Amino acid sequence: MTDRIKGVYVALDKDYRVDDAEAILDAIKMVKGVLDVTGDIVDFDDWNNRARIRIELSGKLWEVLHDTKEGS
């Protein structure tokens, strides 16, 4: 017996204004088997998490590019 999928999540490439995202949501609704599509509004936590991740990755990249250990 094979497993069944009850839903999928779609991550957009960037944040879109609600009115601009309507075309994307409408297109997804046209796919066979799609029952409903809803957008998820960006909030402060989203911005905060992205900023934290960006800072952490920048720090790690800085460490790699400016590694001053012997033999590197």
Protein backbone atom coordinates (compact mmCIF):
# COMPACT_ATOMS: atom_id res chain seq x y z
CA MET A 1 0.00 0.00 0.00
CA THR A 2 1.44 3.38 -0.94
CA ASP A 3 1.34 6.45 1.25
CA ARG A 4 -1.06 9.26 0.42
CA ILE A 5 -0.48 13.00 0.44
CA LYS A 6 -3.18 15.19 1.97
CA GLY A 7 -1.57 18.55 1.21
CA VAL A 8 1.48 20.43 0.04
CA TYR A 9 3.16 23.65 1.10
CA VAL A 10 4.42 26.16 -1.43
CA ALA A 11 7.14 28.65 -0.53
CA LEU A 12 7.26 31.78 -2.65
CA ASP A 13 10.55 33.25 -3.86
CA LYS A 14 9.86 36.54 -2.07
CA ASP A 15 7.11 38.37 -0.20
CA TYR A 16 4.34 39.64 -2.47
CA ARG A 17 1.67 42.21 -1.83
CA VAL A 18 -1.70 40.53 -1.31
CA ASP A 19 -3.15 41.97 -4.52
CA ASP A 20 -0.09 40.86 -6.53
CA ALA A 21 -0.23 37.35 -5.05
CA GLU A 22 -3.84 36.81 -6.15
CA ALA A 23 -2.71 35.72 -9.63
CA ILE A 24 -0.37 33.13 -8.12
CA LEU A 25 -3.08 31.83 -5.78
CA ASP A 26 -5.60 31.69 -8.64
CA ALA A 27 -3.15 29.71 -10.79
CA ILE A 28 -2.57 27.17 -8.02
CA LYS A 29 -6.34 26.81 -7.58
CA MET A 30 -6.55 25.74 -11.24
CA VAL A 31 -4.36 22.68 -10.64
CA LYS A 32 -6.31 19.42 -10.64
CA GLY A 33 -7.04 18.15 -7.14
CA VAL A 34 -6.57 21.49 -5.37
CA LEU A 35 -9.44 22.08 -2.97
CA ASP A 36 -8.40 25.42 -1.49
CA VAL A 37 -5.51 27.89 -1.45
CA THR A 38 -4.86 30.53 1.18
CA GLY A 39 -2.07 33.01 1.62
CA ASP A 40 -0.07 33.46 4.80
CA ILE A 41 0.45 37.09 5.82
CA VAL A 42 4.00 38.17 6.69
CA ASP A 43 4.37 39.30 10.29
CA PHE A 44 7.14 40.64 12.53
CA ASP A 45 8.36 37.16 13.46
CA ASP A 46 9.01 36.39 9.79
CA TRP A 47 11.09 39.54 9.38
CA ASN A 48 12.91 38.93 12.65
CA ASN A 49 13.77 35.32 11.80
CA ARG A 50 15.05 36.26 8.36
CA ALA A 51 17.22 39.02 9.80
CA ARG A 52 18.67 36.67 12.43
CA ILE A 53 19.42 33.99 9.84
CA ARG A 54 20.99 36.57 7.52
CA ILE A 55 23.27 37.80 10.32
CA GLU A 56 24.27 34.26 11.33
CA LEU A 57 25.08 33.28 7.74
CA SER A 58 27.02 36.51 7.18
CA GLY A 59 29.09 35.79 10.28
CA LYS A 60 29.86 32.25 9.16
CA LEU A 61 30.76 33.43 5.67
CA TRP A 62 33.05 36.08 7.16
CA GLU A 63 34.81 33.39 9.22
CA VAL A 64 35.35 31.20 6.17
CA LEU A 65 36.61 34.02 3.94
CA HIS A 66 38.87 35.52 6.58
CA ASP A 67 40.28 32.33 8.06
CA THR A 68 43.79 33.22 9.30
CA LYS A 69 44.79 29.80 10.62
CA GLU A 70 48.20 28.39 9.61
CA GLY A 71 48.13 26.23 6.49
CA SER A 72 44.95 27.71 5.09
